[in-house]
Amino acid sequence: MTTKRYHVIVLGSGIESLVAAGYLGKAGLDVLVVDGAETLGGTLVTREVVPGFRFDSCLDSPGYLSPEVVADLALAHHGLKYSPGEPLMTAPRPDGPALRLAADPEATARSLRQASPRDADRWPAFTDRITTLAGLLTDMYRRPPPRPGEGGVADLMTILRLAARARRLGRVELMEFLRTFPMRSEECRVGKECRSRWSPYH
């Protein structure tokens, strides 16, 4: 019996672990992914808990998955498909119709109007703001984290580019960015496709 040796052993099979393993394998390394669960995916797994009924174990979305990662690892070729549901979220109410958040801001506003005309009127501006702030966050996700004091000129330029983009938001929007940064916001679409189910802690 021979024991194979690996360059890297990845513990856990969540989406971050699988992406890391994919890039390591693409770089020519022998990678072993190990997990205590029977199914790969970490918290992003759908299981048949009750016979005939399947449930998401924890998460129902991978969160932000960079298009560059999808392309680099040829995930579409390996079967990755996005199947967005409609509505994106439903909140039952005891005293009226359920509130439904949809990809279409106008449809969401119509649903909100049943409970709060004021919130319905403010919804389009809210989705515009989230779209703008998500753009900055997306830019941050797509860059390697800088190492202040250690990374040299390249990291310094990354910090300066991000700072310049943040400054272009203006003082009010920058404060909103810092206030909403740790929050989770459901998906929205305004004009062009905007997937902003995001949080740095998600």
N, C-alpha and C. Protein backbone atom coordinates (compact mmCIF):
# COMPACT_ATOMS: atom_id res chain seq x y z
N MET A 1 0.85 -1.20 0.00
CA MET A 1 0.00 0.00 0.00
C MET A 1 0.88 1.24 0.00
N THR A 2 0.62 2.14 -0.92
CA THR A 2 1.39 3.39 -1.00
C THR A 2 0.56 4.54 -0.46
N THR A 3 1.26 5.45 0.16
CA THR A 3 0.61 6.64 0.70
C THR A 3 1.00 7.84 -0.15
N LYS A 4 0.01 8.46 -0.78
CA LYS A 4 0.31 9.61 -1.63
C LYS A 4 0.61 10.83 -0.77
N ARG A 5 1.56 11.59 -1.22
CA ARG A 5 1.92 12.83 -0.53
C ARG A 5 1.35 14.01 -1.30
N TYR A 6 0.87 15.01 -0.58
CA TYR A 6 0.27 16.20 -1.17
C TYR A 6 1.08 17.43 -0.79
N HIS A 7 1.05 18.40 -1.71
CA HIS A 7 1.69 19.67 -1.41
C HIS A 7 0.90 20.46 -0.36
N VAL A 8 -0.44 20.37 -0.49
CA VAL A 8 -1.32 21.15 0.38
C VAL A 8 -2.51 20.30 0.81
N ILE A 9 -2.89 20.40 2.09
CA ILE A 9 -4.13 19.79 2.57
C ILE A 9 -5.04 20.92 3.04
N VAL A 10 -6.22 21.00 2.45
CA VAL A 10 -7.20 22.03 2.79
C VAL A 10 -8.23 21.41 3.72
N LEU A 11 -8.38 22.00 4.90
CA LEU A 11 -9.35 21.49 5.88
C LEU A 11 -10.67 22.24 5.72
N GLY A 12 -11.74 21.49 5.47
CA GLY A 12 -13.05 22.10 5.25
C GLY A 12 -13.33 22.23 3.77
N SER A 13 -14.61 22.18 3.44
CA SER A 13 -15.00 22.22 2.02
C SER A 13 -16.03 23.31 1.75
N GLY A 14 -15.95 24.41 2.51
CA GLY A 14 -16.81 25.55 2.21
C GLY A 14 -16.35 26.23 0.94
N ILE A 15 -17.09 27.23 0.51
CA ILE A 15 -16.79 27.85 -0.77
C ILE A 15 -15.40 28.47 -0.80
N GLU A 16 -14.98 29.10 0.32
CA GLU A 16 -13.65 29.70 0.35
C GLU A 16 -12.57 28.63 0.22
N SER A 17 -12.76 27.50 0.92
CA SER A 17 -11.79 26.41 0.85
C SER A 17 -11.71 25.83 -0.56
N LEU A 18 -12.87 25.66 -1.20
CA LEU A 18 -12.88 25.10 -2.54
C LEU A 18 -12.23 26.03 -3.56
N VAL A 19 -12.46 27.32 -3.41
CA VAL A 19 -11.81 28.28 -4.30
C VAL A 19 -10.29 28.24 -4.12
N ALA A 20 -9.85 28.23 -2.85
CA ALA A 20 -8.42 28.15 -2.58
C ALA A 20 -7.82 26.88 -3.17
N ALA A 21 -8.50 25.76 -2.97
CA ALA A 21 -8.01 24.49 -3.51
C ALA A 21 -7.97 24.52 -5.04
N GLY A 22 -8.97 25.17 -5.64
CA GLY A 22 -9.00 25.27 -7.09
C GLY A 22 -7.81 26.04 -7.64
N TYR A 23 -7.49 27.15 -7.01
CA TYR A 23 -6.35 27.95 -7.47
C TYR A 23 -5.02 27.23 -7.21
N LEU A 24 -4.90 26.55 -6.08
CA LEU A 24 -3.68 25.80 -5.80
C LEU A 24 -3.49 24.67 -6.81
N GLY A 25 -4.59 23.99 -7.12
CA GLY A 25 -4.51 22.94 -8.12
C GLY A 25 -4.17 23.48 -9.50
N LYS A 26 -4.74 24.64 -9.83
CA LYS A 26 -4.44 25.26 -11.12
C LYS A 26 -2.97 25.66 -11.22
N ALA A 27 -2.35 25.95 -10.07
CA ALA A 27 -0.94 26.32 -10.04
C ALA A 27 -0.02 25.10 -10.13
N GLY A 28 -0.62 23.92 -10.21
CA GLY A 28 0.19 22.72 -10.39
C GLY A 28 0.49 21.94 -9.13
N LEU A 29 -0.13 22.32 -8.02
CA LEU A 29 0.11 21.62 -6.76
C LEU A 29 -0.88 20.47 -6.59
N ASP A 30 -0.45 19.43 -5.90
CA ASP A 30 -1.34 18.33 -5.53
C ASP A 30 -2.07 18.74 -4.25
N VAL A 31 -3.40 18.80 -4.32
CA VAL A 31 -4.19 19.31 -3.21
C VAL A 31 -5.17 18.25 -2.73
N LEU A 32 -5.29 18.12 -1.43
CA LEU A 32 -6.28 17.22 -0.83
C LEU A 32 -7.24 18.05 0.01
N VAL A 33 -8.54 17.95 -0.27
CA VAL A 33 -9.56 18.63 0.51
C VAL A 33 -10.23 17.60 1.41
N VAL A 34 -10.24 17.87 2.72
CA VAL A 34 -10.86 16.93 3.65
C VAL A 34 -11.94 17.67 4.46
N ASP A 35 -13.01 16.95 4.74
CA ASP A 35 -14.12 17.53 5.50
C ASP A 35 -14.80 16.42 6.28
N GLY A 36 -15.29 16.76 7.46
CA GLY A 36 -15.97 15.76 8.27
C GLY A 36 -17.35 15.42 7.76
N ALA A 37 -17.92 16.30 6.93
CA ALA A 37 -19.27 16.05 6.40
C ALA A 37 -19.21 15.16 5.18
N GLU A 38 -20.34 14.53 4.86
CA GLU A 38 -20.40 13.64 3.71
C GLU A 38 -20.51 14.41 2.40
N THR A 39 -21.03 15.64 2.47
CA THR A 39 -21.27 16.43 1.26
C THR A 39 -20.38 17.66 1.26
N LEU A 40 -19.77 17.96 0.11
CA LEU A 40 -18.95 19.17 -0.02
C LEU A 40 -19.84 20.41 -0.02
N GLY A 41 -19.30 21.52 0.46
CA GLY A 41 -20.04 22.77 0.40
C GLY A 41 -20.11 23.53 1.70
N GLY A 42 -19.70 22.91 2.79
CA GLY A 42 -19.75 23.61 4.08
C GLY A 42 -21.17 23.98 4.47
N THR A 43 -21.38 25.26 4.79
CA THR A 43 -22.71 25.71 5.19
C THR A 43 -23.64 25.93 4.01
N LEU A 44 -23.09 25.81 2.79
CA LEU A 44 -23.89 26.07 1.59
C LEU A 44 -24.30 24.75 0.95
N VAL A 45 -25.07 23.96 1.71
CA VAL A 45 -25.47 22.63 1.26
C VAL A 45 -26.97 22.47 1.47
N THR A 46 -27.61 21.83 0.52
CA THR A 46 -29.03 21.51 0.65
C THR A 46 -29.15 20.02 0.97
N ARG A 47 -29.84 19.71 2.05
CA ARG A 47 -29.96 18.31 2.50
C ARG A 47 -31.42 17.91 2.62
N GLU A 48 -31.65 16.62 2.48
CA GLU A 48 -33.00 16.06 2.68
C GLU A 48 -33.13 15.71 4.16
N VAL A 49 -33.57 16.69 4.94
CA VAL A 49 -33.68 16.51 6.40
C VAL A 49 -34.86 15.60 6.73
N VAL A 50 -35.98 15.85 6.05
CA VAL A 50 -37.18 15.03 6.21
C VAL A 50 -37.42 14.34 4.86
N PRO A 51 -37.74 13.06 4.84
CA PRO A 51 -37.94 12.37 3.56
C PRO A 51 -38.87 13.15 2.62
N GLY A 52 -38.35 13.46 1.44
CA GLY A 52 -39.13 14.18 0.45
C GLY A 52 -39.02 15.69 0.53
N PHE A 53 -38.34 16.21 1.56
CA PHE A 53 -38.21 17.66 1.72
C PHE A 53 -36.74 18.03 1.89
N ARG A 54 -36.28 18.97 1.08
CA ARG A 54 -34.88 19.39 1.12
C ARG A 54 -34.79 20.81 1.68
N PHE A 55 -33.79 21.05 2.49
CA PHE A 55 -33.62 22.35 3.15
C PHE A 55 -32.17 22.81 3.02
N ASP A 56 -31.98 24.13 2.95
CA ASP A 56 -30.64 24.69 3.02
C ASP A 56 -30.15 24.55 4.46
N SER A 57 -28.96 24.00 4.62
CA SER A 57 -28.44 23.76 5.96
C SER A 57 -28.24 25.05 6.74
N CYS A 58 -27.71 26.07 6.06
CA CYS A 58 -27.45 27.33 6.75
C CYS A 58 -27.65 28.51 5.80
N LEU A 59 -26.92 28.54 4.70
CA LEU A 59 -26.99 29.65 3.75
C LEU A 59 -27.72 29.23 2.48
N ASP A 60 -28.39 30.19 1.85
CA ASP A 60 -29.06 29.91 0.59
C ASP A 60 -28.39 30.65 -0.57
N SER A 61 -27.24 31.27 -0.30
CA SER A 61 -26.52 31.99 -1.33
C SER A 61 -25.03 31.96 -1.01
N PRO A 62 -24.17 31.84 -2.04
CA PRO A 62 -22.73 31.85 -1.77
C PRO A 62 -22.21 33.24 -1.46
N GLY A 63 -23.10 34.24 -1.47
CA GLY A 63 -22.63 35.60 -1.30
C GLY A 63 -21.98 36.10 -2.57
N TYR A 64 -20.99 36.94 -2.43
CA TYR A 64 -20.34 37.48 -3.62
C TYR A 64 -19.30 36.50 -4.14
N LEU A 65 -19.46 36.07 -5.37
CA LEU A 65 -18.49 35.21 -6.03
C LEU A 65 -18.00 35.96 -7.26
N SER A 66 -16.74 36.37 -7.22
CA SER A 66 -16.18 37.21 -8.27
C SER A 66 -16.29 36.56 -9.65
N PRO A 67 -16.70 37.32 -10.67
CA PRO A 67 -16.73 36.78 -12.03
C PRO A 67 -15.34 36.30 -12.48
N GLU A 68 -14.28 36.93 -11.95
CA GLU A 68 -12.93 36.50 -12.29
C GLU A 68 -12.66 35.09 -11.77
N VAL A 69 -13.17 34.78 -10.55
CA VAL A 69 -13.00 33.44 -10.00
C VAL A 69 -13.77 32.43 -10.84
N VAL A 70 -15.00 32.78 -11.22
CA VAL A 70 -15.82 31.89 -12.04
C VAL A 70 -15.11 31.58 -13.35
N ALA A 71 -14.50 32.62 -13.96
CA ALA A 71 -13.80 32.42 -15.24
C ALA A 71 -12.49 31.66 -15.04
N ASP A 72 -11.71 32.05 -14.04
CA ASP A 72 -10.40 31.42 -13.82
C ASP A 72 -10.52 29.92 -13.59
N LEU A 73 -11.52 29.52 -12.82
CA LEU A 73 -11.67 28.10 -12.46
C LEU A 73 -12.66 27.37 -13.37
N ALA A 74 -13.12 28.07 -14.44
CA ALA A 74 -14.05 27.46 -15.41
C ALA A 74 -15.23 26.81 -14.71
N LEU A 75 -15.81 27.53 -13.74
CA LEU A 75 -16.88 26.94 -12.94
C LEU A 75 -18.14 26.67 -13.76
N ALA A 76 -18.42 27.55 -14.73
CA ALA A 76 -19.60 27.32 -15.58
C ALA A 76 -19.42 26.02 -16.36
N HIS A 77 -18.21 25.77 -16.82
CA HIS A 77 -17.93 24.53 -17.56
C HIS A 77 -18.14 23.31 -16.67
N HIS A 78 -17.89 23.48 -15.37
CA HIS A 78 -18.04 22.36 -14.43
C HIS A 78 -19.45 22.28 -13.85
N GLY A 79 -20.37 23.10 -14.37
CA GLY A 79 -21.77 22.95 -13.98
C GLY A 79 -22.34 24.03 -13.10
N LEU A 80 -21.57 25.09 -12.81
CA LEU A 80 -22.12 26.17 -11.98
C LEU A 80 -23.25 26.89 -12.71
N LYS A 81 -24.40 27.00 -12.07
CA LYS A 81 -25.53 27.74 -12.61
C LYS A 81 -26.17 28.54 -11.49
N TYR A 82 -26.48 29.80 -11.77
CA TYR A 82 -27.20 30.63 -10.82
C TYR A 82 -28.69 30.52 -11.12
N SER A 83 -29.46 30.26 -10.09
CA SER A 83 -30.91 30.16 -10.24
C SER A 83 -31.59 31.10 -9.26
N PRO A 84 -31.60 32.40 -9.57
CA PRO A 84 -32.21 33.36 -8.64
C PRO A 84 -33.71 33.13 -8.54
N GLY A 85 -34.21 33.18 -7.33
CA GLY A 85 -35.64 33.00 -7.12
C GLY A 85 -36.36 34.33 -7.06
N GLU A 86 -37.65 34.30 -7.26
CA GLU A 86 -38.49 35.48 -7.15
C GLU A 86 -39.72 35.12 -6.33
N PRO A 87 -40.04 35.91 -5.31
CA PRO A 87 -39.29 37.07 -4.83
C PRO A 87 -38.02 36.63 -4.09
N LEU A 88 -37.11 37.59 -3.88
CA LEU A 88 -35.86 37.28 -3.22
C LEU A 88 -36.07 37.00 -1.73
N MET A 89 -37.05 37.66 -1.14
CA MET A 89 -37.34 37.46 0.27
C MET A 89 -38.81 37.71 0.52
N THR A 90 -39.40 36.92 1.40
CA THR A 90 -40.79 37.11 1.79
C THR A 90 -40.88 37.18 3.31
N ALA A 91 -41.56 38.21 3.81
CA ALA A 91 -41.73 38.38 5.26
C ALA A 91 -43.22 38.36 5.58
N PRO A 92 -43.73 37.25 6.11
CA PRO A 92 -45.16 37.17 6.46
C PRO A 92 -45.52 38.19 7.54
N ARG A 93 -46.73 38.69 7.46
CA ARG A 93 -47.22 39.64 8.48
C ARG A 93 -48.53 39.13 9.05
N PRO A 94 -48.76 39.31 10.34
CA PRO A 94 -49.98 38.80 10.95
C PRO A 94 -51.22 39.62 10.60
N ASP A 95 -51.00 40.88 10.16
CA ASP A 95 -52.15 41.76 9.96
C ASP A 95 -52.29 42.24 8.52
N GLY A 96 -51.74 41.49 7.57
CA GLY A 96 -51.86 41.91 6.18
C GLY A 96 -51.06 41.02 5.25
N PRO A 97 -51.07 41.35 3.96
CA PRO A 97 -50.31 40.55 2.99
C PRO A 97 -48.81 40.55 3.32
N ALA A 98 -48.15 39.48 2.94
CA ALA A 98 -46.71 39.37 3.19
C ALA A 98 -45.95 40.44 2.41
N LEU A 99 -44.84 40.90 2.97
CA LEU A 99 -43.97 41.83 2.27
C LEU A 99 -42.99 41.03 1.42
N ARG A 100 -42.82 41.45 0.16
CA ARG A 100 -41.95 40.71 -0.75
C ARG A 100 -40.89 41.65 -1.34
N LEU A 101 -39.62 41.27 -1.15
CA LEU A 101 -38.53 42.01 -1.76
C LEU A 101 -38.18 41.31 -3.07
N ALA A 102 -38.24 42.06 -4.16
CA ALA A 102 -38.01 41.51 -5.49
C ALA A 102 -36.80 42.17 -6.13
N ALA A 103 -36.30 41.57 -7.23
CA ALA A 103 -35.20 42.17 -7.97
C ALA A 103 -35.62 43.49 -8.60
N ASP A 104 -36.90 43.62 -8.90
CA ASP A 104 -37.43 44.85 -9.49
C ASP A 104 -37.77 45.83 -8.36
N PRO A 105 -37.08 46.98 -8.29
CA PRO A 105 -37.37 47.94 -7.21
C PRO A 105 -38.81 48.41 -7.18
N GLU A 106 -39.45 48.56 -8.35
CA GLU A 106 -40.83 49.02 -8.39
C GLU A 106 -41.78 47.99 -7.77
N ALA A 107 -41.49 46.71 -8.04
CA ALA A 107 -42.33 45.65 -7.45
C ALA A 107 -42.17 45.63 -5.93
N THR A 108 -40.95 45.83 -5.47
CA THR A 108 -40.72 45.89 -4.02
C THR A 108 -41.44 47.08 -3.41
N ALA A 109 -41.36 48.23 -4.07
CA ALA A 109 -42.02 49.43 -3.55
C ALA A 109 -43.52 49.22 -3.44
N ARG A 110 -44.12 48.53 -4.42
CA ARG A 110 -45.57 48.27 -4.37
C ARG A 110 -45.91 47.40 -3.17
N SER A 111 -45.05 46.42 -2.89
CA SER A 111 -45.30 45.56 -1.73
C SER A 111 -45.13 46.33 -0.43
N LEU A 112 -44.10 47.15 -0.35
CA LEU A 112 -43.86 47.93 0.87
C LEU A 112 -45.00 48.92 1.14
N ARG A 113 -45.61 49.41 0.07
CA ARG A 113 -46.65 50.43 0.23
C ARG A 113 -47.84 49.91 1.04
N GLN A 114 -48.01 48.60 1.05
CA GLN A 114 -49.13 48.04 1.83
C GLN A 114 -48.93 48.28 3.33
N ALA A 115 -47.66 48.35 3.75
CA ALA A 115 -47.38 48.50 5.18
C ALA A 115 -46.88 49.90 5.52
N SER A 116 -46.13 50.52 4.58
CA SER A 116 -45.53 51.82 4.88
C SER A 116 -45.31 52.60 3.60
N PRO A 117 -46.25 53.49 3.25
CA PRO A 117 -46.06 54.32 2.05
C PRO A 117 -44.77 55.13 2.11
N ARG A 118 -44.37 55.57 3.29
CA ARG A 118 -43.14 56.36 3.43
C ARG A 118 -41.92 55.54 3.02
N ASP A 119 -41.85 54.30 3.50
CA ASP A 119 -40.73 53.43 3.12
C ASP A 119 -40.77 53.10 1.63
N ALA A 120 -41.96 52.92 1.10
CA ALA A 120 -42.09 52.62 -0.32
C ALA A 120 -41.54 53.77 -1.17
N ASP A 121 -41.84 55.01 -0.76
CA ASP A 121 -41.34 56.17 -1.50
C ASP A 121 -39.83 56.28 -1.45
N ARG A 122 -39.23 55.81 -0.35
CA ARG A 122 -37.79 55.94 -0.17
C ARG A 122 -37.01 54.75 -0.74
N TRP A 123 -37.71 53.70 -1.13
CA TRP A 123 -37.02 52.49 -1.59
C TRP A 123 -36.14 52.71 -2.82
N PRO A 124 -36.60 53.41 -3.88
CA PRO A 124 -35.73 53.60 -5.05
C PRO A 124 -34.41 54.29 -4.69
N ALA A 125 -34.46 55.32 -3.83
CA ALA A 125 -33.22 56.00 -3.43
C ALA A 125 -32.32 55.05 -2.64
N PHE A 126 -32.94 54.20 -1.82
CA PHE A 126 -32.16 53.23 -1.05
C PHE A 126 -31.43 52.26 -1.97
N THR A 127 -32.12 51.75 -2.99
CA THR A 127 -31.47 50.80 -3.90
C THR A 127 -30.37 51.48 -4.69
N ASP A 128 -30.57 52.75 -5.06
CA ASP A 128 -29.50 53.50 -5.74
C ASP A 128 -28.26 53.60 -4.85
N ARG A 129 -28.48 53.90 -3.59
CA ARG A 129 -27.34 54.05 -2.67
C ARG A 129 -26.63 52.71 -2.48
N ILE A 130 -27.38 51.64 -2.28
CA ILE A 130 -26.77 50.32 -2.07
C ILE A 130 -25.97 49.91 -3.30
N THR A 131 -26.50 50.22 -4.49
CA THR A 131 -25.78 49.89 -5.72
C THR A 131 -24.44 50.61 -5.77
N THR A 132 -24.43 51.89 -5.40
CA THR A 132 -23.19 52.66 -5.40
C THR A 132 -22.20 52.11 -4.39
N LEU A 133 -22.66 51.86 -3.17
CA LEU A 133 -21.77 51.36 -2.13
C LEU A 133 -21.27 49.95 -2.44
N ALA A 134 -22.11 49.13 -3.03
CA ALA A 134 -21.70 47.78 -3.39
C ALA A 134 -20.61 47.81 -4.45
N GLY A 135 -20.64 48.84 -5.31
CA GLY A 135 -19.60 48.97 -6.32
C GLY A 135 -18.22 49.15 -5.70
N LEU A 136 -18.15 49.97 -4.66
CA LEU A 136 -16.88 50.17 -3.96
C LEU A 136 -16.45 48.88 -3.26
N LEU A 137 -17.38 48.20 -2.63
CA LEU A 137 -17.06 46.97 -1.94
C LEU A 137 -16.59 45.90 -2.93
N THR A 138 -17.22 45.84 -4.10
CA THR A 138 -16.80 44.89 -5.12
C THR A 138 -15.36 45.16 -5.54
N ASP A 139 -15.01 46.44 -5.70
CA ASP A 139 -13.64 46.80 -6.06
C ASP A 139 -12.66 46.33 -4.99
N MET A 140 -13.05 46.44 -3.73
CA MET A 140 -12.19 45.99 -2.63
C MET A 140 -12.03 44.47 -2.65
N TYR A 141 -13.13 43.76 -2.93
CA TYR A 141 -13.07 42.30 -2.96
C TYR A 141 -12.13 41.80 -4.05
N ARG A 142 -12.06 42.52 -5.16
CA ARG A 142 -11.30 42.04 -6.31
C ARG A 142 -9.80 42.32 -6.21
N ARG A 143 -9.37 42.98 -5.17
CA ARG A 143 -7.95 43.29 -5.01
C ARG A 143 -7.37 42.50 -3.84
N PRO A 144 -6.11 42.06 -3.96
CA PRO A 144 -5.47 41.40 -2.81
C PRO A 144 -5.38 42.38 -1.65
N PRO A 145 -5.62 41.92 -0.42
CA PRO A 145 -5.56 42.82 0.72
C PRO A 145 -4.17 43.44 0.85
N PRO A 146 -4.08 44.75 0.96
CA PRO A 146 -2.77 45.39 1.11
C PRO A 146 -2.16 45.09 2.47
N ARG A 147 -0.84 45.17 2.54
CA ARG A 147 -0.12 44.95 3.80
C ARG A 147 0.60 46.23 4.16
N PRO A 148 -0.06 47.12 4.86
CA PRO A 148 0.55 48.41 5.19
C PRO A 148 1.91 48.23 5.87
N GLY A 149 2.90 48.92 5.34
CA GLY A 149 4.23 48.86 5.92
C GLY A 149 5.07 47.68 5.49
N GLU A 150 4.46 46.72 4.77
CA GLU A 150 5.20 45.52 4.37
C GLU A 150 5.16 45.26 2.87
N GLY A 151 4.12 45.74 2.21
CA GLY A 151 3.91 45.34 0.82
C GLY A 151 4.64 46.16 -0.22
N GLY A 152 5.31 47.23 0.19
CA GLY A 152 6.05 48.01 -0.77
C GLY A 152 5.17 48.91 -1.62
N VAL A 153 5.70 49.30 -2.78
CA VAL A 153 5.03 50.28 -3.65
C VAL A 153 3.70 49.75 -4.17
N ALA A 154 3.65 48.46 -4.54
CA ALA A 154 2.42 47.90 -5.12
C ALA A 154 1.26 48.00 -4.14
N ASP A 155 1.49 47.64 -2.89
CA ASP A 155 0.41 47.72 -1.90
C ASP A 155 0.05 49.17 -1.60
N LEU A 156 1.04 50.04 -1.60
CA LEU A 156 0.77 51.45 -1.37
C LEU A 156 -0.13 52.01 -2.47
N MET A 157 0.12 51.62 -3.71
CA MET A 157 -0.71 52.09 -4.83
C MET A 157 -2.12 51.53 -4.70
N THR A 158 -2.28 50.28 -4.24
CA THR A 158 -3.61 49.72 -4.04
C THR A 158 -4.39 50.54 -3.02
N ILE A 159 -3.73 50.87 -1.90
CA ILE A 159 -4.37 51.67 -0.86
C ILE A 159 -4.78 53.03 -1.39
N LEU A 160 -3.90 53.66 -2.17
CA LEU A 160 -4.20 54.99 -2.71
C LEU A 160 -5.35 54.94 -3.70
N ARG A 161 -5.41 53.89 -4.54
CA ARG A 161 -6.51 53.78 -5.51
C ARG A 161 -7.84 53.60 -4.79
N LEU A 162 -7.86 52.74 -3.76
CA LEU A 162 -9.09 52.54 -3.01
C LEU A 162 -9.50 53.81 -2.27
N ALA A 163 -8.52 54.51 -1.71
CA ALA A 163 -8.81 55.76 -1.00
C ALA A 163 -9.37 56.81 -1.96
N ALA A 164 -8.82 56.88 -3.18
CA ALA A 164 -9.30 57.84 -4.16
C ALA A 164 -10.73 57.53 -4.58
N ARG A 165 -11.03 56.25 -4.76
CA ARG A 165 -12.40 55.88 -5.14
C ARG A 165 -13.36 56.17 -4.00
N ALA A 166 -12.94 55.88 -2.76
CA ALA A 166 -13.80 56.17 -1.61
C ALA A 166 -14.05 57.66 -1.49
N ARG A 167 -13.03 58.46 -1.76
CA ARG A 167 -13.18 59.91 -1.64
C ARG A 167 -14.16 60.45 -2.67
N ARG A 168 -14.21 59.82 -3.84
CA ARG A 168 -15.13 60.29 -4.89
C ARG A 168 -16.59 60.09 -4.49
N LEU A 169 -16.83 59.22 -3.50
CA LEU A 169 -18.21 59.04 -3.03
C LEU A 169 -18.75 60.33 -2.41
N GLY A 170 -17.86 61.15 -1.86
CA GLY A 170 -18.31 62.33 -1.12
C GLY A 170 -18.43 61.99 0.35
N ARG A 171 -18.45 63.01 1.18
CA ARG A 171 -18.43 62.80 2.62
C ARG A 171 -19.68 62.07 3.12
N VAL A 172 -20.84 62.46 2.62
CA VAL A 172 -22.09 61.85 3.08
C VAL A 172 -22.14 60.37 2.70
N GLU A 173 -21.84 60.07 1.44
CA GLU A 173 -21.89 58.68 1.00
C GLU A 173 -20.81 57.84 1.66
N LEU A 174 -19.65 58.44 1.93
CA LEU A 174 -18.59 57.69 2.60
C LEU A 174 -19.02 57.33 4.02
N MET A 175 -19.69 58.26 4.70
CA MET A 175 -20.20 57.96 6.04
C MET A 175 -21.26 56.86 5.98
N GLU A 176 -22.10 56.89 4.94
CA GLU A 176 -23.09 55.83 4.78
C GLU A 176 -22.42 54.49 4.52
N PHE A 177 -21.33 54.51 3.75
CA PHE A 177 -20.59 53.28 3.48
C PHE A 177 -20.05 52.68 4.77
N LEU A 178 -19.45 53.52 5.61
CA LEU A 178 -18.90 53.04 6.88
C LEU A 178 -20.00 52.55 7.82
N ARG A 179 -21.19 53.19 7.72
CA ARG A 179 -22.30 52.80 8.59
C ARG A 179 -22.91 51.47 8.14
N THR A 180 -23.03 51.26 6.83
CA THR A 180 -23.70 50.07 6.32
C THR A 180 -22.73 48.93 6.03
N PHE A 181 -21.42 49.19 6.09
CA PHE A 181 -20.41 48.20 5.73
C PHE A 181 -20.63 46.85 6.40
N PRO A 182 -20.92 46.80 7.72
CA PRO A 182 -21.09 45.48 8.35
C PRO A 182 -22.48 44.88 8.20
N MET A 183 -23.40 45.61 7.56
CA MET A 183 -24.77 45.11 7.44
C MET A 183 -24.89 44.14 6.28
N ARG A 184 -26.00 43.40 6.28
CA ARG A 184 -26.32 42.52 5.17
C ARG A 184 -27.51 43.10 4.44
N SER A 185 -27.38 43.26 3.14
CA SER A 185 -28.48 43.81 2.34
C SER A 185 -28.88 42.80 1.30
N GLU A 186 -30.18 42.58 1.15
CA GLU A 186 -30.65 41.60 0.18
C GLU A 186 -30.41 42.09 -1.25
N GLU A 187 -30.51 41.18 -2.18
CA GLU A 187 -30.23 41.49 -3.57
C GLU A 187 -31.19 42.56 -4.11
N CYS A 188 -30.65 43.36 -5.02
CA CYS A 188 -31.49 44.35 -5.68
C CYS A 188 -31.00 44.49 -7.11
N ARG A 189 -31.80 45.08 -7.93
CA ARG A 189 -31.37 45.37 -9.29
C ARG A 189 -31.93 46.73 -9.66
N VAL A 190 -31.02 47.63 -10.03
CA VAL A 190 -31.43 48.96 -10.43
C VAL A 190 -30.76 49.24 -11.76
N GLY A 191 -31.55 49.38 -12.82
CA GLY A 191 -30.96 49.60 -14.13
C GLY A 191 -30.24 48.35 -14.56
N LYS A 192 -28.90 48.37 -14.50
CA LYS A 192 -28.11 47.21 -14.83
C LYS A 192 -28.19 46.20 -13.69
N GLU A 193 -27.80 44.97 -13.99
CA GLU A 193 -27.85 43.91 -12.97
C GLU A 193 -26.97 44.29 -11.79
N CYS A 194 -27.52 44.20 -10.60
CA CYS A 194 -26.76 44.52 -9.39
C CYS A 194 -27.05 43.47 -8.35
N ARG A 195 -26.07 42.65 -8.06
CA ARG A 195 -26.22 41.64 -7.01
C ARG A 195 -25.54 42.18 -5.77
N SER A 196 -26.30 42.65 -4.83
CA SER A 196 -25.66 43.27 -3.67
C SER A 196 -26.06 42.60 -2.37
N ARG A 197 -26.16 41.29 -2.41
CA ARG A 197 -26.35 40.57 -1.14
C ARG A 197 -24.95 40.46 -0.55
N TRP A 198 -24.57 41.47 0.23
CA TRP A 198 -23.18 41.55 0.63
C TRP A 198 -23.01 41.92 2.09
N SER A 199 -21.89 41.51 2.59
CA SER A 199 -21.41 41.92 3.90
C SER A 199 -20.01 41.36 4.03
N PRO A 200 -19.08 42.10 4.56
CA PRO A 200 -17.73 41.54 4.71
C PRO A 200 -17.70 40.39 5.69
N TYR A 201 -18.77 40.24 6.49
CA TYR A 201 -18.80 39.17 7.47
C TYR A 201 -19.70 38.03 7.03
N HIS A 202 -20.19 38.06 5.82
CA HIS A 202 -21.12 37.06 5.32
C HIS A 202 -20.32 35.87 4.78
